[in-house]
Every structure is written in C-alpha cells, then in structure tokens.
Amino acid sequence: VQGYMTYWLLALVVGTNATGVFAACMSIVSFANPLITGISNTMMPRAVLALKEGGGARLRRQIIRDALLLGAAMTCFCMEVLFVGDDVMRLLYQGNEYEGQGRTVAVLAVALLASAVGTPASIALASMERPRAIACACSVGAVVTAAFVWLLMVQWGLLGAAYGFLCGSVAGSVGRW
C-alpha cells in the first residue's frame, strides 16, 4: 500500500500527467532494486544463523552490519543519482514535463535508501517470528506517507509528493528498527 499510495494520491489530486512523471522518476530510482535485492537475499540466512548460534545480541550485531553495508551501497547510488539523475531523465524520457526533475529523482533515491536501511530490521523481526511488528511498522509508514504526500503535494506538487514519500519511508524504517 505504501508503495502505491503516492501514485493514487497524485492521480486523484494533481492528475495523471503528474502521476506519469512521478512514475518516470521512480523508474530511474528503481535501477537500485537489483542491488537491494541481491544484498538482501543474503541477510535472512545470516540472521537466522546469528540468532540460532548467538541469540539476540549476535543477531543485533549481524543486522547492524547488514544495515551499514546496504546503507553504504545505497548512499553510493544516491550520490550518483544526485549528479546524473537529471541527465538520465533527459536521456530516457523526452518532453518538457520531464525536464528539471533531477531533484525529485534525488529525493526518491534517498527515500529508497531509508527503506533499504529498514530492510535488515524487517529481516531480524522475521527471523524472530515477529510478523505483527513488521505489519505495524509498515502500516505506520503507509499512514505517514498518505498524510505527508497529501499535505506536501498540495503545496509543492510533484516534489512535495516525493518528500512525502521520503517521510513515510523514514517512518517505516524507524518503526521497524
């Protein structure tokens, strides 16, 4: 729900053109998904093993290491997006509505960084068999996303929607941690 909330609200309030531009910006940010998925796929087995062999303390250390690794990789990606996001948008999407969206792409990349840093915490909760905690944190993230996207997009349009998505991503990650 949190992932689609911004699209639904943009279509409802601002219109389908803005929704399409947001989707284009998000497609640039989605280039990081294989990186996130690749690193995340190794986390669950390590988390379960850490919990089994060393209990909660060892699991905590493992998950913090994993979060630092994923955070460092995503920070590198965000730095690249900051410098070339506008150029990549111009290369992949022609049209005036796509011009000048580099800042929106950068904010969405930071939102993906925030979500990625929360992934190890979700994995730790899953390895401890705590699905309710994950669901609650994700629900909080969805509610914060809806509220902030609504408030900020009315005032700042597409960039405001990106900042609202960032707020929800941070809230969800903080909740999982």
C-alpha atoms as a PDB file:
ATOM      1  CA  VAL A   1       0.000   0.000   0.000  1.00  0.00           C
ATOM      2  CA  GLN A   2       2.773   2.417   0.909  1.00  0.00           C
ATOM      3  CA  GLY A   3       4.477   1.912  -2.450  1.00  0.00           C
ATOM      4  CA  TYR A   4       1.334   2.771  -4.430  1.00  0.00           C
ATOM      5  CA  MET A   5      -0.139   5.400  -2.133  1.00  0.00           C
ATOM      6  CA  THR A   6       1.739   8.251  -3.786  1.00  0.00           C
ATOM      7  CA  TYR A   7       0.586   7.240  -7.269  1.00  0.00           C
ATOM      8  CA  TRP A   8      -3.047   7.064  -6.162  1.00  0.00           C
ATOM      9  CA  LEU A   9      -2.945  10.429  -4.422  1.00  0.00           C
ATOM     10  CA  LEU A  10      -1.133  12.117  -7.317  1.00  0.00           C
ATOM     11  CA  ALA A  11      -3.706  10.813  -9.796  1.00  0.00           C
ATOM     12  CA  LEU A  12      -6.561  11.912  -7.545  1.00  0.00           C
ATOM     13  CA  VAL A  13      -5.289  15.395  -6.665  1.00  0.00           C
ATOM     14  CA  VAL A  14      -2.809  16.553  -9.307  1.00  0.00           C
ATOM     15  CA  GLY A  15      -3.724  14.427 -12.319  1.00  0.00           C
ATOM     16  CA  THR A  16      -2.477  11.589 -14.449  1.00  0.00           C
ATOM     17  CA  ASN A  17       0.276  13.614 -16.149  1.00  0.00           C
ATOM     18  CA  ALA A  18       1.973  14.233 -12.807  1.00  0.00           C
ATOM     19  CA  THR A  19       1.486  10.575 -11.931  1.00  0.00           C
ATOM     20  CA  GLY A  20       3.264   9.589 -15.135  1.00  0.00           C
ATOM     21  CA  VAL A  21       6.177  11.921 -14.416  1.00  0.00           C
ATOM     22  CA  PHE A  22       6.407  10.532 -10.881  1.00  0.00           C
ATOM     23  CA  ALA A  23       6.453   7.000 -12.302  1.00  0.00           C
ATOM     24  CA  ALA A  24       9.248   8.023 -14.678  1.00  0.00           C
ATOM     25  CA  CYS A  25      11.263   9.452 -11.777  1.00  0.00           C
ATOM     26  CA  MET A  26      10.656   6.303  -9.766  1.00  0.00           C
ATOM     27  CA  SER A  27      11.811   4.160 -12.698  1.00  0.00           C
ATOM     28  CA  ILE A  28      15.208   5.860 -12.534  1.00  0.00           C
ATOM     29  CA  VAL A  29      15.422   5.157  -8.807  1.00  0.00           C
ATOM     30  CA  SER A  30      14.361   1.550  -9.404  1.00  0.00           C
ATOM     31  CA  PHE A  31      17.717   0.860 -11.046  1.00  0.00           C
ATOM     32  CA  ALA A  32      18.879   0.209  -7.454  1.00  0.00           C
ATOM     33  CA  ASN A  33      16.412  -2.649  -6.906  1.00  0.00           C
ATOM     34  CA  PRO A  34      18.761  -5.421  -8.110  1.00  0.00           C
ATOM     35  CA  LEU A  35      21.421  -4.108  -5.725  1.00  0.00           C
ATOM     36  CA  ILE A  36      18.994  -4.056  -2.800  1.00  0.00           C
ATOM     37  CA  THR A  37      17.552  -7.466  -3.648  1.00  0.00           C
ATOM     38  CA  GLY A  38      20.963  -9.034  -4.146  1.00  0.00           C
ATOM     39  CA  ILE A  39      22.295  -7.847  -0.814  1.00  0.00           C
ATOM     40  CA  SER A  40      19.015  -8.575   0.994  1.00  0.00           C
ATOM     41  CA  ASN A  41      18.883 -12.165  -0.247  1.00  0.00           C
ATOM     42  CA  THR A  42      21.947 -12.995   1.832  1.00  0.00           C
ATOM     43  CA  MET A  43      20.609 -11.376   5.010  1.00  0.00           C
ATOM     44  CA  MET A  44      17.899 -13.819   6.072  1.00  0.00           C
ATOM     45  CA  PRO A  45      20.128 -16.911   6.272  1.00  0.00           C
ATOM     46  CA  ARG A  46      22.783 -14.934   8.162  1.00  0.00           C
ATOM     47  CA  ALA A  47      20.167 -13.510  10.533  1.00  0.00           C
ATOM     48  CA  VAL A  48      18.673 -16.898  11.336  1.00  0.00           C
ATOM     49  CA  LEU A  49      22.126 -18.395  11.867  1.00  0.00           C
ATOM     50  CA  ALA A  50      23.166 -15.484  14.101  1.00  0.00           C
ATOM     51  CA  LEU A  51      20.009 -15.861  16.201  1.00  0.00           C
ATOM     52  CA  LYS A  52      20.470 -19.622  16.476  1.00  0.00           C
ATOM     53  CA  GLU A  53      24.164 -19.517  17.386  1.00  0.00           C
ATOM     54  CA  GLY A  54      24.396 -16.361  19.456  1.00  0.00           C
ATOM     55  CA  GLY A  55      20.917 -15.231  20.427  1.00  0.00           C
ATOM     56  CA  GLY A  56      19.583 -11.707  20.264  1.00  0.00           C
ATOM     57  CA  ALA A  57      22.927  -9.990  20.829  1.00  0.00           C
ATOM     58  CA  ARG A  58      24.574 -11.690  17.884  1.00  0.00           C
ATOM     59  CA  LEU A  59      21.517 -11.092  15.706  1.00  0.00           C
ATOM     60  CA  ARG A  60      21.639  -7.390  16.583  1.00  0.00           C
ATOM     61  CA  ARG A  61      25.316  -7.161  15.581  1.00  0.00           C
ATOM     62  CA  GLN A  62      24.682  -9.011  12.313  1.00  0.00           C
ATOM     63  CA  ILE A  63      21.716  -6.850  11.387  1.00  0.00           C
ATOM     64  CA  ILE A  64      23.589  -3.635  12.161  1.00  0.00           C
ATOM     65  CA  ARG A  65      26.442  -4.799   9.904  1.00  0.00           C
ATOM     66  CA  ASP A  66      23.941  -5.636   7.172  1.00  0.00           C
ATOM     67  CA  ALA A  67      22.266  -2.238   7.534  1.00  0.00           C
ATOM     68  CA  LEU A  68      25.618  -0.490   7.265  1.00  0.00           C
ATOM     69  CA  LEU A  69      26.502  -2.498   4.146  1.00  0.00           C
ATOM     70  CA  LEU A  70      23.166  -1.816   2.473  1.00  0.00           C
ATOM     71  CA  GLY A  71      23.253   1.820   3.578  1.00  0.00           C
ATOM     72  CA  ALA A  72      26.753   2.327   2.161  1.00  0.00           C
ATOM     73  CA  ALA A  73      25.794   0.756  -1.177  1.00  0.00           C
ATOM     74  CA  MET A  74      22.636   2.856  -1.403  1.00  0.00           C
ATOM     75  CA  THR A  75      24.486   6.026  -0.390  1.00  0.00           C
ATOM     76  CA  CYS A  76      26.814   5.492  -3.366  1.00  0.00           C
ATOM     77  CA  PHE A  77      23.771   5.053  -5.591  1.00  0.00           C
ATOM     78  CA  CYS A  78      22.182   8.226  -4.176  1.00  0.00           C
ATOM     79  CA  MET A  79      25.347  10.207  -4.849  1.00  0.00           C
ATOM     80  CA  GLU A  80      25.317   9.076  -8.467  1.00  0.00           C
ATOM     81  CA  VAL A  81      21.639   9.952  -8.823  1.00  0.00           C
ATOM     82  CA  LEU A  82      22.332  13.369  -7.356  1.00  0.00           C
ATOM     83  CA  PHE A  83      24.872  14.082 -10.082  1.00  0.00           C
ATOM     84  CA  VAL A  84      23.328  12.338 -13.108  1.00  0.00           C
ATOM     85  CA  GLY A  85      19.626  11.959 -12.285  1.00  0.00           C
ATOM     86  CA  ASP A  86      18.579  14.892 -14.456  1.00  0.00           C
ATOM     87  CA  ASP A  87      20.710  13.645 -17.361  1.00  0.00           C
ATOM     88  CA  VAL A  88      19.296  10.125 -17.115  1.00  0.00           C
ATOM     89  CA  MET A  89      15.756  11.532 -17.098  1.00  0.00           C
ATOM     90  CA  ARG A  90      16.534  13.581 -20.200  1.00  0.00           C
ATOM     91  CA  LEU A  91      18.074  10.538 -21.905  1.00  0.00           C
ATOM     92  CA  LEU A  92      15.212   8.137 -21.177  1.00  0.00           C
ATOM     93  CA  TYR A  93      12.225  10.483 -21.293  1.00  0.00           C
ATOM     94  CA  GLN A  94      11.785  13.226 -23.838  1.00  0.00           C
ATOM     95  CA  GLY A  95       9.315  16.003 -23.178  1.00  0.00           C
ATOM     96  CA  ASN A  96       9.069  19.244 -21.280  1.00  0.00           C
ATOM     97  CA  GLU A  97       7.225  17.655 -18.352  1.00  0.00           C
ATOM     98  CA  TYR A  98      10.288  15.509 -17.594  1.00  0.00           C
ATOM     99  CA  GLU A  99      12.736  18.402 -17.613  1.00  0.00           C
ATOM    100  CA  GLY A 100      14.135  19.581 -14.300  1.00  0.00           C
ATOM    101  CA  GLN A 101      13.081  16.527 -12.298  1.00  0.00           C
ATOM    102  CA  GLY A 102      16.580  15.746 -11.023  1.00  0.00           C
ATOM    103  CA  ARG A 103      15.746  16.931  -7.532  1.00  0.00           C
ATOM    104  CA  THR A 104      12.617  14.765  -7.453  1.00  0.00           C
ATOM    105  CA  VAL A 105      14.666  11.751  -8.536  1.00  0.00           C
ATOM    106  CA  ALA A 106      17.264  12.526  -5.842  1.00  0.00           C
ATOM    107  CA  VAL A 107      14.609  12.757  -3.102  1.00  0.00           C
ATOM    108  CA  LEU A 108      13.113   9.447  -4.236  1.00  0.00           C
ATOM    109  CA  ALA A 109      16.582   7.858  -4.173  1.00  0.00           C
ATOM    110  CA  VAL A 110      17.021   8.997  -0.568  1.00  0.00           C
ATOM    111  CA  ALA A 111      13.582   7.537   0.220  1.00  0.00           C
ATOM    112  CA  LEU A 112      14.750   4.232  -1.233  1.00  0.00           C
ATOM    113  CA  LEU A 113      17.885   4.487   0.929  1.00  0.00           C
ATOM    114  CA  ALA A 114      15.698   4.988   4.001  1.00  0.00           C
ATOM    115  CA  SER A 115      13.594   1.958   3.105  1.00  0.00           C
ATOM    116  CA  ALA A 116      16.651  -0.150   2.369  1.00  0.00           C
ATOM    117  CA  VAL A 117      18.190   0.624   5.755  1.00  0.00           C
ATOM    118  CA  GLY A 118      14.985  -0.660   7.365  1.00  0.00           C
ATOM    119  CA  THR A 119      15.151  -3.959   5.463  1.00  0.00           C
ATOM    120  CA  PRO A 120      17.644  -5.626   7.839  1.00  0.00           C
ATOM    121  CA  ALA A 121      15.387  -4.747  10.776  1.00  0.00           C
ATOM    122  CA  SER A 122      12.468  -6.431   8.996  1.00  0.00           C
ATOM    123  CA  ILE A 123      14.623  -9.473   8.397  1.00  0.00           C
ATOM    124  CA  ALA A 124      15.604  -9.574  12.069  1.00  0.00           C
ATOM    125  CA  LEU A 125      11.954  -9.358  13.109  1.00  0.00           C
ATOM    126  CA  ALA A 126      11.043 -12.103  10.642  1.00  0.00           C
ATOM    127  CA  SER A 127      13.833 -14.345  11.914  1.00  0.00           C
ATOM    128  CA  MET A 128      12.463 -13.864  15.457  1.00  0.00           C
ATOM    129  CA  GLU A 129       8.980 -14.713  14.134  1.00  0.00           C
ATOM    130  CA  ARG A 130       7.513 -11.247  14.779  1.00  0.00           C
ATOM    131  CA  PRO A 131       5.322 -10.580  11.713  1.00  0.00           C
ATOM    132  CA  ARG A 132       2.913  -8.373  13.661  1.00  0.00           C
ATOM    133  CA  ALA A 133       5.706  -5.887  14.419  1.00  0.00           C
ATOM    134  CA  ILE A 134       6.605  -5.734  10.726  1.00  0.00           C
ATOM    135  CA  ALA A 135       2.952  -5.209   9.764  1.00  0.00           C
ATOM    136  CA  CYS A 136       2.529  -2.435  12.348  1.00  0.00           C
ATOM    137  CA  ALA A 137       5.655  -0.608  11.201  1.00  0.00           C
ATOM    138  CA  CYS A 138       4.613  -0.883   7.562  1.00  0.00           C
ATOM    139  CA  SER A 139       1.147   0.395   8.439  1.00  0.00           C
ATOM    140  CA  VAL A 140       2.628   3.406  10.215  1.00  0.00           C
ATOM    141  CA  GLY A 141       4.790   4.046   7.155  1.00  0.00           C
ATOM    142  CA  ALA A 142       1.725   3.900   4.892  1.00  0.00           C
ATOM    143  CA  VAL A 143      -0.268   6.309   7.062  1.00  0.00           C
ATOM    144  CA  VAL A 144       2.649   8.761   7.299  1.00  0.00           C
ATOM    145  CA  THR A 145       3.136   8.502   3.539  1.00  0.00           C
ATOM    146  CA  ALA A 146      -0.527   9.256   2.856  1.00  0.00           C
ATOM    147  CA  ALA A 147      -0.607  12.218   5.229  1.00  0.00           C
ATOM    148  CA  PHE A 148       2.647  13.828   4.110  1.00  0.00           C
ATOM    149  CA  VAL A 149       2.154  13.192   0.392  1.00  0.00           C
ATOM    150  CA  TRP A 150      -1.266  14.807   0.634  1.00  0.00           C
ATOM    151  CA  LEU A 151      -0.020  17.810   2.598  1.00  0.00           C
ATOM    152  CA  LEU A 152       3.185  18.412   0.665  1.00  0.00           C
ATOM    153  CA  MET A 153       1.947  17.744  -2.872  1.00  0.00           C
ATOM    154  CA  VAL A 154      -0.848  20.280  -2.493  1.00  0.00           C
ATOM    155  CA  GLN A 155       1.775  22.917  -1.755  1.00  0.00           C
ATOM    156  CA  TRP A 156       4.783  21.779  -3.846  1.00  0.00           C
ATOM    157  CA  GLY A 157       3.357  19.399  -6.442  1.00  0.00           C
ATOM    158  CA  LEU A 158       5.481  16.512  -7.612  1.00  0.00           C
ATOM    159  CA  LEU A 159       8.497  17.410  -5.467  1.00  0.00           C
ATOM    160  CA  GLY A 160       6.224  17.623  -2.426  1.00  0.00           C
ATOM    161  CA  ALA A 161       4.889  14.157  -3.182  1.00  0.00           C
ATOM    162  CA  ALA A 162       8.473  12.864  -3.307  1.00  0.00           C
ATOM    163  CA  TYR A 163       9.221  14.458   0.073  1.00  0.00           C
ATOM    164  CA  GLY A 164       6.027  12.916   1.471  1.00  0.00           C
ATOM    165  CA  PHE A 165       7.156   9.518   0.194  1.00  0.00           C
ATOM    166  CA  LEU A 166      10.513  10.111   1.892  1.00  0.00           C
ATOM    167  CA  CYS A 167       8.769  10.910   5.195  1.00  0.00           C
ATOM    168  CA  GLY A 168       6.785   7.672   5.001  1.00  0.00           C
ATOM    169  CA  SER A 169       9.889   5.652   4.137  1.00  0.00           C
ATOM    170  CA  VAL A 170      11.778   7.080   7.103  1.00  0.00           C
ATOM    171  CA  ALA A 171       8.828   6.456   9.430  1.00  0.00           C
ATOM    172  CA  GLY A 172       8.501   2.840   8.278  1.00  0.00           C
ATOM    173  CA  SER A 173      12.216   2.188   8.735  1.00  0.00           C
ATOM    174  CA  VAL A 174      12.319   3.813  12.144  1.00  0.00           C
ATOM    175  CA  GLY A 175       9.310   1.725  13.161  1.00  0.00           C
ATOM    176  CA  ARG A 176      10.991  -1.487  12.046  1.00  0.00           C
ATOM    177  CA  TRP A 177      14.161  -0.626  13.955  1.00  0.00           C
END
